[in-house]
């Protein structure tokens, strides 16, 4: 199931604040684009096999999609790596664990 993000246009000639909902109109909806998994410091894509070796955060974020360092994601990746899955299969497990 794809989630959708609304695009808004604010009218330029309005005199009220930009945060007012009266100044916005919907011009369309776009599907959320799947973002690559990136490391928090270097912002480069992280391999699925390296996610199992990350140190998890203290608390689960419970947001969708879950972050890469979420303890739930790291634990599921550790289990998958322990079963000896290939890199391609690990990538699929990571995608399911983050629940895009």
Protein backbone atom coordinates (compact mmCIF):
# COMPACT_ATOMS: atom_id res chain seq x y z
CA UNK A 1 0.00 0.00 0.00
CA UNK A 2 1.53 3.28 -1.09
CA UNK A 3 1.27 6.37 1.03
CA UNK A 4 0.75 9.73 -0.58
CA UNK A 5 2.07 13.17 0.18
CA UNK A 6 0.02 16.27 -0.69
CA UNK A 7 1.57 19.15 -2.59
CA UNK A 8 0.49 22.60 -1.48
CA UNK A 9 0.64 25.99 -3.15
CA UNK A 10 0.36 29.15 -1.09
CA UNK A 11 -1.17 32.22 -2.65
CA UNK A 12 1.35 35.03 -2.96
CA UNK A 13 -1.07 37.95 -2.58
CA UNK A 14 -2.58 36.89 0.74
CA UNK A 15 -2.03 39.20 3.67
CA UNK A 16 -2.28 36.62 6.45
CA UNK A 17 0.34 34.23 7.75
CA UNK A 18 1.80 31.48 5.58
CA UNK A 19 0.72 28.81 8.05
CA UNK A 20 -2.97 29.46 7.55
CA UNK A 21 -4.82 26.61 5.85
CA UNK A 22 -6.99 29.09 3.92
CA UNK A 23 -3.99 30.20 1.86
CA UNK A 24 -3.20 26.71 0.62
CA UNK A 25 -4.79 24.67 -2.10
CA UNK A 26 -3.98 21.14 -3.14
CA UNK A 27 -2.42 20.85 -6.59
CA UNK A 28 -1.97 17.08 -6.56
CA UNK A 29 -0.68 14.13 -4.68
CA UNK A 30 2.57 12.28 -5.24
CA UNK A 31 3.55 8.85 -3.93
CA UNK A 32 6.27 8.80 -1.29
CA UNK A 33 9.54 7.90 -2.94
CA UNK A 34 11.47 5.10 -1.27
CA UNK A 35 14.64 6.66 0.08
CA UNK A 36 17.85 4.67 0.20
CA UNK A 37 19.10 3.61 3.61
CA UNK A 38 21.88 6.03 4.56
CA UNK A 39 24.36 6.06 7.38
CA UNK A 40 23.67 8.87 9.88
CA UNK A 41 27.09 10.48 9.66
CA UNK A 42 28.32 10.20 6.10
CA UNK A 43 24.91 10.13 4.37
CA UNK A 44 26.07 7.33 2.07
CA UNK A 45 23.93 4.24 1.46
CA UNK A 46 24.48 1.46 4.02
CA UNK A 47 24.73 -2.15 2.90
CA UNK A 48 22.04 -4.40 4.35
CA UNK A 49 24.68 -6.73 5.80
CA UNK A 50 26.18 -3.88 7.86
CA UNK A 51 22.87 -3.00 9.53
CA UNK A 52 23.12 -6.14 11.69
CA UNK A 53 26.41 -4.89 13.12
CA UNK A 54 25.13 -1.41 14.04
CA UNK A 55 24.68 -0.46 17.68
CA UNK A 56 20.92 0.02 18.16
CA UNK A 57 19.37 3.09 19.73
CA UNK A 58 18.12 2.92 23.32
CA UNK A 59 14.43 3.15 22.39
CA UNK A 60 12.31 2.08 19.45
CA UNK A 61 11.05 5.00 17.39
CA UNK A 62 7.84 3.24 16.17
CA UNK A 63 7.63 5.57 13.17
CA UNK A 64 7.05 4.49 9.57
CA UNK A 65 9.50 3.78 8.05
CA UNK A 66 11.59 2.78 11.03
CA UNK A 67 15.10 4.21 11.11
CA UNK A 68 18.07 1.99 10.35
CA UNK A 69 19.39 2.05 13.93
CA UNK A 70 16.04 1.13 15.48
CA UNK A 71 16.49 -1.88 17.82
CA UNK A 72 13.68 -3.77 16.08
CA UNK A 73 15.34 -3.40 12.67
CA UNK A 74 18.82 -4.27 13.98
CA UNK A 75 17.53 -7.40 15.77
CA UNK A 76 15.64 -8.65 12.71
CA UNK A 77 18.74 -8.11 10.57
CA UNK A 78 20.91 -9.99 13.10
CA UNK A 79 18.51 -12.94 12.96
CA UNK A 80 18.50 -12.91 9.15
CA UNK A 81 22.29 -12.70 8.95
CA UNK A 82 22.60 -15.56 11.45
CA UNK A 83 20.52 -17.74 9.10
CA UNK A 84 23.10 -17.11 6.35
CA UNK A 85 20.98 -15.18 3.84
CA UNK A 86 22.60 -13.63 0.77
CA UNK A 87 23.03 -9.86 0.31
CA UNK A 88 20.02 -9.73 -2.02
CA UNK A 89 17.82 -11.54 0.51
CA UNK A 90 19.14 -9.34 3.34
CA UNK A 91 18.09 -6.28 1.37
CA UNK A 92 14.54 -7.66 1.16
CA UNK A 93 14.52 -8.42 4.90
CA UNK A 94 15.70 -4.88 5.64
CA UNK A 95 12.93 -3.45 3.48
CA UNK A 96 10.32 -5.52 5.37
CA UNK A 97 11.86 -4.73 8.78
CA UNK A 98 11.66 -1.01 8.13
CA UNK A 99 8.05 -1.47 6.85
CA UNK A 100 8.01 1.12 4.08
